Amino acid sequence: MSRFIVEIDIMPLQGLLDPQGRTVAHALRKLGFEGVASVRVGKHIQMIIESESETEAKHQVEDSLAKLLYNPVVEQYRYVIRHIDP
């Protein structure tokens, strides 16, 4: 059994409103960070998966994304998977 670390970034789709990002951008400008043009807020998830192969680990990641971790109507994702040495 191999171990893999997965880093997943989930962000709102481009073109959709991001109220949380707007709030953060507004607060940063009020604090004097005037160069902040915009902010988008998303999620970062890290998982360690035990699997027979990287291909099987990728299937587990894709399945968890589809069933629980992201909403395809309003979000997009990308991930990186790396083998962890025993």
Protein backbone atom coordinates (compact mmCIF):
# COMPACT_ATOMS: atom_id res chain seq x y z
CA MET A 1 0.00 0.00 0.00
CA SER A 2 1.36 3.41 -0.98
CA ARG A 3 0.66 6.78 0.60
CA PHE A 4 -0.09 9.91 -1.37
CA ILE A 5 -0.52 13.50 -0.25
CA VAL A 6 -3.13 15.49 -2.15
CA GLU A 7 -3.36 19.28 -2.17
CA ILE A 8 -6.73 20.52 -3.49
CA ASP A 9 -7.65 24.13 -4.26
CA ILE A 10 -11.32 24.95 -4.79
CA MET A 11 -12.27 28.41 -6.04
CA PRO A 12 -15.45 30.15 -7.18
CA LEU A 13 -15.94 30.02 -10.95
CA GLN A 14 -14.64 33.06 -12.82
CA GLY A 15 -17.42 35.48 -13.58
CA LEU A 16 -19.48 34.59 -10.50
CA LEU A 17 -19.86 36.98 -7.62
CA ASP A 18 -17.64 36.23 -4.63
CA PRO A 19 -19.24 38.10 -1.69
CA GLN A 20 -16.67 36.81 0.79
CA GLY A 21 -13.85 37.97 -1.47
CA ARG A 22 -15.49 41.39 -1.88
CA THR A 23 -15.79 41.73 1.89
CA VAL A 24 -12.11 40.83 2.41
CA ALA A 25 -11.00 43.24 -0.33
CA HIS A 26 -13.09 46.04 1.19
CA ALA A 27 -11.68 45.37 4.68
CA LEU A 28 -8.10 45.34 3.36
CA ARG A 29 -8.61 48.70 1.64
CA LYS A 30 -10.07 50.14 4.86
CA LEU A 31 -6.93 48.94 6.66
CA GLY A 32 -4.77 50.88 4.21
CA PHE A 33 -3.95 48.20 1.65
CA GLU A 34 -5.02 50.43 -1.20
CA GLY A 35 -3.33 48.39 -3.94
CA VAL A 36 -5.75 45.49 -3.47
CA ALA A 37 -7.86 45.46 -6.63
CA SER A 38 -9.85 42.30 -5.87
CA VAL A 39 -9.86 39.18 -3.72
CA ARG A 40 -11.33 35.74 -4.36
CA VAL A 41 -11.79 33.38 -1.43
CA GLY A 42 -11.75 29.61 -1.81
CA LYS A 43 -10.85 26.43 0.05
CA HIS A 44 -7.60 24.53 0.41
CA ILE A 45 -7.85 20.86 1.40
CA GLN A 46 -5.00 18.49 2.16
CA MET A 47 -5.55 14.74 2.28
CA ILE A 48 -3.32 11.75 2.76
CA ILE A 49 -4.59 8.74 0.85
CA GLU A 50 -3.46 5.15 1.19
CA SER A 51 -3.92 3.33 -2.09
CA GLU A 52 -2.50 0.56 -4.27
CA SER A 53 -1.53 3.02 -7.04
CA GLU A 54 -1.50 6.69 -7.97
CA THR A 55 -4.26 6.00 -10.49
CA GLU A 56 -6.48 4.54 -7.76
CA ALA A 57 -5.64 7.50 -5.48
CA LYS A 58 -6.67 9.90 -8.26
CA HIS A 59 -9.98 8.06 -8.61
CA GLN A 60 -10.56 8.46 -4.85
CA VAL A 61 -9.81 12.19 -5.07
CA GLU A 62 -12.11 12.69 -8.06
CA ASP A 63 -14.88 10.71 -6.36
CA SER A 64 -14.58 12.69 -3.11
CA LEU A 65 -14.67 15.95 -5.07
CA ALA A 66 -17.76 14.90 -7.02
CA LYS A 67 -19.65 13.56 -4.01
CA LEU A 68 -18.74 16.04 -1.29
CA LEU A 69 -15.95 18.56 -1.63
CA TYR A 70 -17.04 20.92 -4.38
CA ASN A 71 -20.12 22.24 -6.15
CA PRO A 72 -19.65 22.16 -9.95
CA VAL A 73 -22.35 24.80 -10.42
CA VAL A 74 -20.35 27.52 -8.67
CA GLU A 75 -16.81 26.16 -8.12
CA GLN A 76 -13.80 24.84 -9.97
CA TYR A 77 -10.91 22.82 -8.57
CA ARG A 78 -7.38 21.71 -9.23
CA TYR A 79 -5.22 19.32 -7.30
CA VAL A 80 -1.71 17.97 -7.05
CA ILE A 81 -0.99 14.45 -5.89
CA ARG A 82 2.46 13.31 -4.70
CA HIS A 83 3.74 9.98 -3.53
CA ILE A 84 4.93 9.97 0.10
CA ASP A 85 8.01 7.88 0.70
CA PRO A 86 7.48 5.22 3.37
